[in-house]
Amino acid sequence: QVQLMESGGGLVQPGRSLRLSCQVSGSIFRIFAWGWYRQGPGNQRLVVAHIGSSGGTGYADSVKGRFTISRDNDENTVYLQMNSLKPEDTGVYYCNRAPPREDYWGQGTQVTVSS
């Protein structure tokens, strides 16, 4: 049973930074691509960034140049460094496989960007 534990969210002012972490249990982490997803109020869950097993990355247009996804295969962890945060980045952030598996969704971590 794979479990994902997101952390690192919080309330920050516009322009500040946050680093999200996602710890993945089990031994399957290094062979799959992983992504970060955001769900805003009343919105569907959309991919923000993804990283392949070899480290190749991709980003939503709205976060390019501001967010960086990375992974540590020894720690079974995927990170999302978020800089220059904007109010529209507010939402619950989840990690999951890329593309996602329905049975992998965790609790997520809330990010609120507000002055």
N, C-alpha and C. Protein backbone atom coordinates (compact mmCIF):
# COMPACT_ATOMS: atom_id res chain seq x y z
N GLN A 1 0.85 -1.19 0.00
CA GLN A 1 0.00 0.00 0.00
C GLN A 1 0.89 1.24 0.00
N VAL A 2 0.77 2.06 -1.03
CA VAL A 2 1.55 3.28 -1.13
C VAL A 2 0.81 4.40 -0.43
N GLN A 3 1.54 5.15 0.38
CA GLN A 3 0.95 6.32 1.03
C GLN A 3 1.81 7.54 0.74
N LEU A 4 1.15 8.67 0.56
CA LEU A 4 1.82 9.92 0.27
C LEU A 4 1.50 10.91 1.37
N MET A 5 2.53 11.61 1.86
CA MET A 5 2.35 12.56 2.93
C MET A 5 2.92 13.91 2.50
N GLU A 6 2.03 14.87 2.23
CA GLU A 6 2.46 16.21 1.84
C GLU A 6 2.64 17.10 3.07
N SER A 7 3.58 18.02 2.99
CA SER A 7 3.82 18.96 4.07
C SER A 7 4.46 20.22 3.54
N GLY A 8 4.49 21.27 4.36
CA GLY A 8 5.19 22.48 4.01
C GLY A 8 4.31 23.66 3.65
N GLY A 9 3.00 23.46 3.60
CA GLY A 9 2.11 24.55 3.26
C GLY A 9 2.00 25.57 4.39
N GLY A 10 1.27 26.65 4.10
CA GLY A 10 1.08 27.67 5.11
C GLY A 10 0.49 28.92 4.51
N LEU A 11 0.45 29.96 5.34
CA LEU A 11 -0.04 31.27 4.93
C LEU A 11 1.17 32.18 4.71
N VAL A 12 1.28 32.72 3.51
CA VAL A 12 2.40 33.60 3.20
C VAL A 12 1.91 34.82 2.44
N GLN A 13 2.70 35.88 2.49
CA GLN A 13 2.39 37.09 1.76
C GLN A 13 2.82 36.95 0.30
N PRO A 14 2.19 37.68 -0.59
CA PRO A 14 2.62 37.66 -1.99
C PRO A 14 4.09 38.02 -2.10
N GLY A 15 4.77 37.31 -3.01
CA GLY A 15 6.19 37.53 -3.23
C GLY A 15 7.10 36.66 -2.40
N ARG A 16 6.56 35.99 -1.40
CA ARG A 16 7.37 35.13 -0.55
C ARG A 16 7.48 33.73 -1.13
N SER A 17 8.18 32.86 -0.40
CA SER A 17 8.45 31.51 -0.89
C SER A 17 7.97 30.45 0.10
N LEU A 18 7.72 29.28 -0.44
CA LEU A 18 7.43 28.09 0.35
C LEU A 18 8.06 26.89 -0.34
N ARG A 19 8.40 25.88 0.45
CA ARG A 19 8.89 24.62 -0.10
C ARG A 19 8.01 23.49 0.40
N LEU A 20 7.37 22.81 -0.53
CA LEU A 20 6.53 21.67 -0.21
C LEU A 20 7.32 20.38 -0.34
N SER A 21 6.98 19.42 0.52
CA SER A 21 7.60 18.10 0.47
C SER A 21 6.53 17.03 0.41
N CYS A 22 6.84 15.94 -0.25
CA CYS A 22 5.94 14.80 -0.33
C CYS A 22 6.75 13.53 -0.11
N GLN A 23 6.48 12.89 1.00
CA GLN A 23 7.14 11.64 1.35
C GLN A 23 6.30 10.48 0.83
N VAL A 24 6.91 9.60 0.08
CA VAL A 24 6.20 8.47 -0.52
C VAL A 24 6.68 7.17 0.12
N SER A 25 5.75 6.41 0.64
CA SER A 25 6.11 5.13 1.25
C SER A 25 6.27 4.07 0.17
N GLY A 26 6.97 2.98 0.52
CA GLY A 26 7.12 1.89 -0.42
C GLY A 26 8.37 2.00 -1.26
N SER A 27 8.57 1.01 -2.10
CA SER A 27 9.82 0.92 -2.86
C SER A 27 9.66 1.30 -4.32
N ILE A 28 8.52 1.87 -4.69
CA ILE A 28 8.26 2.13 -6.11
C ILE A 28 8.63 3.54 -6.53
N PHE A 29 9.08 4.36 -5.59
CA PHE A 29 9.23 5.78 -5.87
C PHE A 29 10.13 6.06 -7.07
N ARG A 30 11.31 5.45 -7.10
CA ARG A 30 12.32 5.86 -8.06
C ARG A 30 11.99 5.49 -9.51
N ILE A 31 11.07 4.60 -9.73
CA ILE A 31 10.84 4.14 -11.10
C ILE A 31 9.70 4.89 -11.80
N PHE A 32 9.04 5.78 -11.09
CA PHE A 32 7.89 6.47 -11.67
C PHE A 32 8.08 7.98 -11.71
N ALA A 33 7.30 8.61 -12.57
CA ALA A 33 7.22 10.07 -12.60
C ALA A 33 6.22 10.52 -11.55
N TRP A 34 6.49 11.70 -10.99
CA TRP A 34 5.65 12.25 -9.93
C TRP A 34 5.29 13.69 -10.25
N GLY A 35 4.17 14.12 -9.69
CA GLY A 35 3.72 15.47 -9.96
C GLY A 35 3.14 16.14 -8.74
N TRP A 36 3.07 17.46 -8.82
CA TRP A 36 2.35 18.26 -7.84
C TRP A 36 1.10 18.81 -8.51
N TYR A 37 -0.01 18.79 -7.78
CA TYR A 37 -1.31 19.19 -8.30
C TYR A 37 -1.92 20.21 -7.33
N ARG A 38 -2.67 21.16 -7.89
CA ARG A 38 -3.30 22.18 -7.07
C ARG A 38 -4.80 22.16 -7.30
N GLN A 39 -5.53 22.29 -6.19
CA GLN A 39 -6.98 22.40 -6.26
C GLN A 39 -7.37 23.69 -5.57
N GLY A 40 -7.84 24.66 -6.36
CA GLY A 40 -8.30 25.92 -5.81
C GLY A 40 -9.75 25.81 -5.34
N PRO A 41 -10.26 26.82 -4.67
CA PRO A 41 -11.63 26.79 -4.17
C PRO A 41 -12.64 26.58 -5.30
N GLY A 42 -13.38 25.50 -5.22
CA GLY A 42 -14.39 25.23 -6.24
C GLY A 42 -13.85 24.79 -7.57
N ASN A 43 -12.53 24.54 -7.63
CA ASN A 43 -11.92 24.18 -8.91
C ASN A 43 -11.50 22.71 -8.94
N GLN A 44 -11.24 22.26 -10.14
CA GLN A 44 -10.73 20.91 -10.28
C GLN A 44 -9.25 20.88 -9.95
N ARG A 45 -8.76 19.69 -9.72
CA ARG A 45 -7.36 19.50 -9.40
C ARG A 45 -6.54 19.49 -10.69
N LEU A 46 -5.57 20.40 -10.79
CA LEU A 46 -4.77 20.54 -12.00
C LEU A 46 -3.29 20.36 -11.70
N VAL A 47 -2.58 19.82 -12.68
CA VAL A 47 -1.15 19.61 -12.49
C VAL A 47 -0.42 20.95 -12.51
N VAL A 48 0.52 21.10 -11.60
CA VAL A 48 1.35 22.30 -11.51
C VAL A 48 2.74 22.02 -12.07
N ALA A 49 3.28 20.85 -11.73
CA ALA A 49 4.62 20.48 -12.17
C ALA A 49 4.75 18.97 -12.11
N HIS A 50 5.65 18.43 -12.93
CA HIS A 50 5.90 16.99 -12.89
C HIS A 50 7.37 16.74 -13.15
N ILE A 51 7.82 15.58 -12.68
CA ILE A 51 9.22 15.22 -12.84
C ILE A 51 9.30 13.74 -13.17
N GLY A 52 10.05 13.42 -14.21
CA GLY A 52 10.18 12.04 -14.64
C GLY A 52 11.18 11.27 -13.81
N SER A 53 11.24 9.96 -14.07
CA SER A 53 12.16 9.10 -13.33
C SER A 53 13.62 9.48 -13.56
N SER A 54 13.90 10.07 -14.72
CA SER A 54 15.26 10.49 -15.03
C SER A 54 15.53 11.95 -14.68
N GLY A 55 14.51 12.64 -14.14
CA GLY A 55 14.70 14.01 -13.70
C GLY A 55 14.19 15.08 -14.64
N GLY A 56 13.67 14.69 -15.80
CA GLY A 56 13.09 15.68 -16.69
C GLY A 56 11.86 16.31 -16.07
N THR A 57 11.68 17.61 -16.27
CA THR A 57 10.60 18.33 -15.60
C THR A 57 9.69 19.03 -16.59
N GLY A 58 8.47 19.34 -16.12
CA GLY A 58 7.52 20.11 -16.88
C GLY A 58 6.68 20.95 -15.93
N TYR A 59 6.21 22.10 -16.42
CA TYR A 59 5.49 23.04 -15.56
C TYR A 59 4.27 23.60 -16.28
N ALA A 60 3.26 23.93 -15.47
CA ALA A 60 2.14 24.69 -15.99
C ALA A 60 2.64 26.09 -16.34
N ASP A 61 2.05 26.69 -17.36
CA ASP A 61 2.49 28.01 -17.79
C ASP A 61 2.43 29.03 -16.66
N SER A 62 1.45 28.89 -15.79
CA SER A 62 1.24 29.87 -14.73
C SER A 62 2.35 29.88 -13.69
N VAL A 63 3.17 28.82 -13.64
CA VAL A 63 4.20 28.76 -12.60
C VAL A 63 5.62 28.71 -13.18
N LYS A 64 5.75 28.67 -14.48
CA LYS A 64 7.08 28.60 -15.09
C LYS A 64 7.93 29.78 -14.65
N GLY A 65 9.18 29.46 -14.28
CA GLY A 65 10.09 30.50 -13.83
C GLY A 65 9.97 30.84 -12.36
N ARG A 66 8.92 30.34 -11.70
CA ARG A 66 8.72 30.62 -10.28
C ARG A 66 8.81 29.37 -9.42
N PHE A 67 8.34 28.25 -9.94
CA PHE A 67 8.31 26.98 -9.20
C PHE A 67 9.37 26.04 -9.76
N THR A 68 9.93 25.23 -8.86
CA THR A 68 10.89 24.20 -9.27
C THR A 68 10.55 22.90 -8.56
N ILE A 69 10.38 21.84 -9.36
CA ILE A 69 10.11 20.52 -8.80
C ILE A 69 11.42 19.74 -8.79
N SER A 70 11.63 18.94 -7.76
CA SER A 70 12.82 18.11 -7.67
C SER A 70 12.47 16.83 -6.92
N ARG A 71 13.38 15.88 -6.96
CA ARG A 71 13.13 14.61 -6.29
C ARG A 71 14.41 14.09 -5.67
N ASP A 72 14.26 13.35 -4.59
CA ASP A 72 15.37 12.69 -3.92
C ASP A 72 15.01 11.21 -3.83
N ASN A 73 15.60 10.41 -4.70
CA ASN A 73 15.24 8.99 -4.76
C ASN A 73 15.71 8.21 -3.53
N ASP A 74 16.73 8.72 -2.85
CA ASP A 74 17.20 8.04 -1.63
C ASP A 74 16.25 8.27 -0.47
N GLU A 75 15.56 9.42 -0.50
CA GLU A 75 14.63 9.77 0.58
C GLU A 75 13.17 9.53 0.20
N ASN A 76 12.93 9.03 -1.03
CA ASN A 76 11.55 8.82 -1.51
C ASN A 76 10.71 10.08 -1.35
N THR A 77 11.28 11.19 -1.75
CA THR A 77 10.62 12.48 -1.54
C THR A 77 10.65 13.32 -2.81
N VAL A 78 9.55 13.97 -3.08
CA VAL A 78 9.48 14.94 -4.17
C VAL A 78 9.18 16.31 -3.55
N TYR A 79 9.84 17.33 -4.07
CA TYR A 79 9.75 18.68 -3.52
C TYR A 79 9.16 19.63 -4.55
N LEU A 80 8.59 20.72 -4.05
CA LEU A 80 8.16 21.82 -4.91
C LEU A 80 8.59 23.12 -4.24
N GLN A 81 9.60 23.76 -4.83
CA GLN A 81 10.04 25.06 -4.37
C GLN A 81 9.21 26.12 -5.08
N MET A 82 8.52 26.92 -4.30
CA MET A 82 7.62 27.93 -4.86
C MET A 82 8.13 29.31 -4.47
N ASN A 83 8.54 30.07 -5.46
CA ASN A 83 9.04 31.42 -5.23
C ASN A 83 8.08 32.45 -5.85
N SER A 84 8.23 33.68 -5.42
CA SER A 84 7.40 34.78 -5.96
C SER A 84 5.93 34.40 -5.98
N LEU A 85 5.45 33.93 -4.85
CA LEU A 85 4.08 33.44 -4.78
C LEU A 85 3.06 34.54 -5.03
N LYS A 86 1.96 34.15 -5.66
CA LYS A 86 0.88 35.07 -6.01
C LYS A 86 -0.41 34.58 -5.36
N PRO A 87 -1.38 35.47 -5.16
CA PRO A 87 -2.66 35.04 -4.58
C PRO A 87 -3.32 33.91 -5.37
N GLU A 88 -3.14 33.90 -6.68
CA GLU A 88 -3.75 32.85 -7.49
C GLU A 88 -3.08 31.49 -7.32
N ASP A 89 -1.97 31.44 -6.58
CA ASP A 89 -1.35 30.15 -6.27
C ASP A 89 -2.04 29.47 -5.08
N THR A 90 -2.97 30.16 -4.46
CA THR A 90 -3.68 29.61 -3.31
C THR A 90 -4.44 28.34 -3.67
N GLY A 91 -4.36 27.36 -2.79
CA GLY A 91 -5.09 26.12 -2.99
C GLY A 91 -4.52 25.01 -2.13
N VAL A 92 -5.10 23.84 -2.27
CA VAL A 92 -4.56 22.66 -1.63
C VAL A 92 -3.65 21.97 -2.64
N TYR A 93 -2.43 21.68 -2.21
CA TYR A 93 -1.45 21.06 -3.08
C TYR A 93 -1.31 19.59 -2.72
N TYR A 94 -1.36 18.77 -3.75
CA TYR A 94 -1.23 17.33 -3.60
C TYR A 94 -0.09 16.82 -4.45
N CYS A 95 0.53 15.75 -4.02
CA CYS A 95 1.44 15.04 -4.90
C CYS A 95 0.80 13.71 -5.30
N ASN A 96 1.25 13.18 -6.41
CA ASN A 96 0.72 11.93 -6.93
C ASN A 96 1.63 11.51 -8.07
N ARG A 97 1.40 10.32 -8.56
CA ARG A 97 2.08 9.88 -9.77
C ARG A 97 1.70 10.85 -10.90
N ALA A 98 2.51 10.83 -11.94
CA ALA A 98 2.21 11.62 -13.13
C ALA A 98 2.18 10.65 -14.32
N PRO A 99 0.99 10.43 -14.93
CA PRO A 99 -0.32 10.91 -14.52
C PRO A 99 -0.77 10.30 -13.20
N PRO A 100 -1.74 10.93 -12.55
CA PRO A 100 -2.11 10.51 -11.19
C PRO A 100 -2.91 9.21 -11.14
N ARG A 101 -2.80 8.55 -10.00
CA ARG A 101 -3.62 7.39 -9.70
C ARG A 101 -4.67 7.79 -8.67
N GLU A 102 -5.89 7.41 -8.90
CA GLU A 102 -6.99 7.81 -8.01
C GLU A 102 -6.80 7.28 -6.59
N ASP A 103 -6.17 6.13 -6.46
CA ASP A 103 -6.02 5.54 -5.13
C ASP A 103 -4.79 6.07 -4.40
N TYR A 104 -4.09 7.04 -4.96
CA TYR A 104 -2.89 7.58 -4.33
C TYR A 104 -3.11 8.94 -3.66
N TRP A 105 -4.26 9.59 -3.90
CA TRP A 105 -4.44 10.94 -3.36
C TRP A 105 -4.34 10.92 -1.84
N GLY A 106 -3.54 11.87 -1.30
CA GLY A 106 -3.42 12.03 0.14
C GLY A 106 -4.26 13.19 0.62
N GLN A 107 -3.89 13.74 1.78
CA GLN A 107 -4.65 14.83 2.37
C GLN A 107 -4.30 16.19 1.77
N GLY A 108 -3.14 16.28 1.18
CA GLY A 108 -2.71 17.55 0.62
C GLY A 108 -2.21 18.51 1.69
N THR A 109 -1.70 19.63 1.23
CA THR A 109 -1.23 20.67 2.15
C THR A 109 -1.73 22.02 1.64
N GLN A 110 -2.31 22.80 2.52
CA GLN A 110 -2.94 24.07 2.14
C GLN A 110 -1.89 25.16 1.99
N VAL A 111 -1.96 25.86 0.87
CA VAL A 111 -1.13 27.04 0.63
C VAL A 111 -2.06 28.23 0.44
N THR A 112 -1.87 29.24 1.24
CA THR A 112 -2.67 30.46 1.13
C THR A 112 -1.74 31.64 0.96
N VAL A 113 -1.93 32.35 -0.15
CA VAL A 113 -1.10 33.53 -0.43
C VAL A 113 -1.98 34.76 -0.31
N SER A 114 -1.71 35.54 0.71
CA SER A 114 -2.56 36.68 0.99
C SER A 114 -1.80 37.72 1.80
N SER A 115 -2.12 38.98 1.54
CA SER A 115 -1.51 40.05 2.32
C SER A 115 -2.36 40.37 3.55
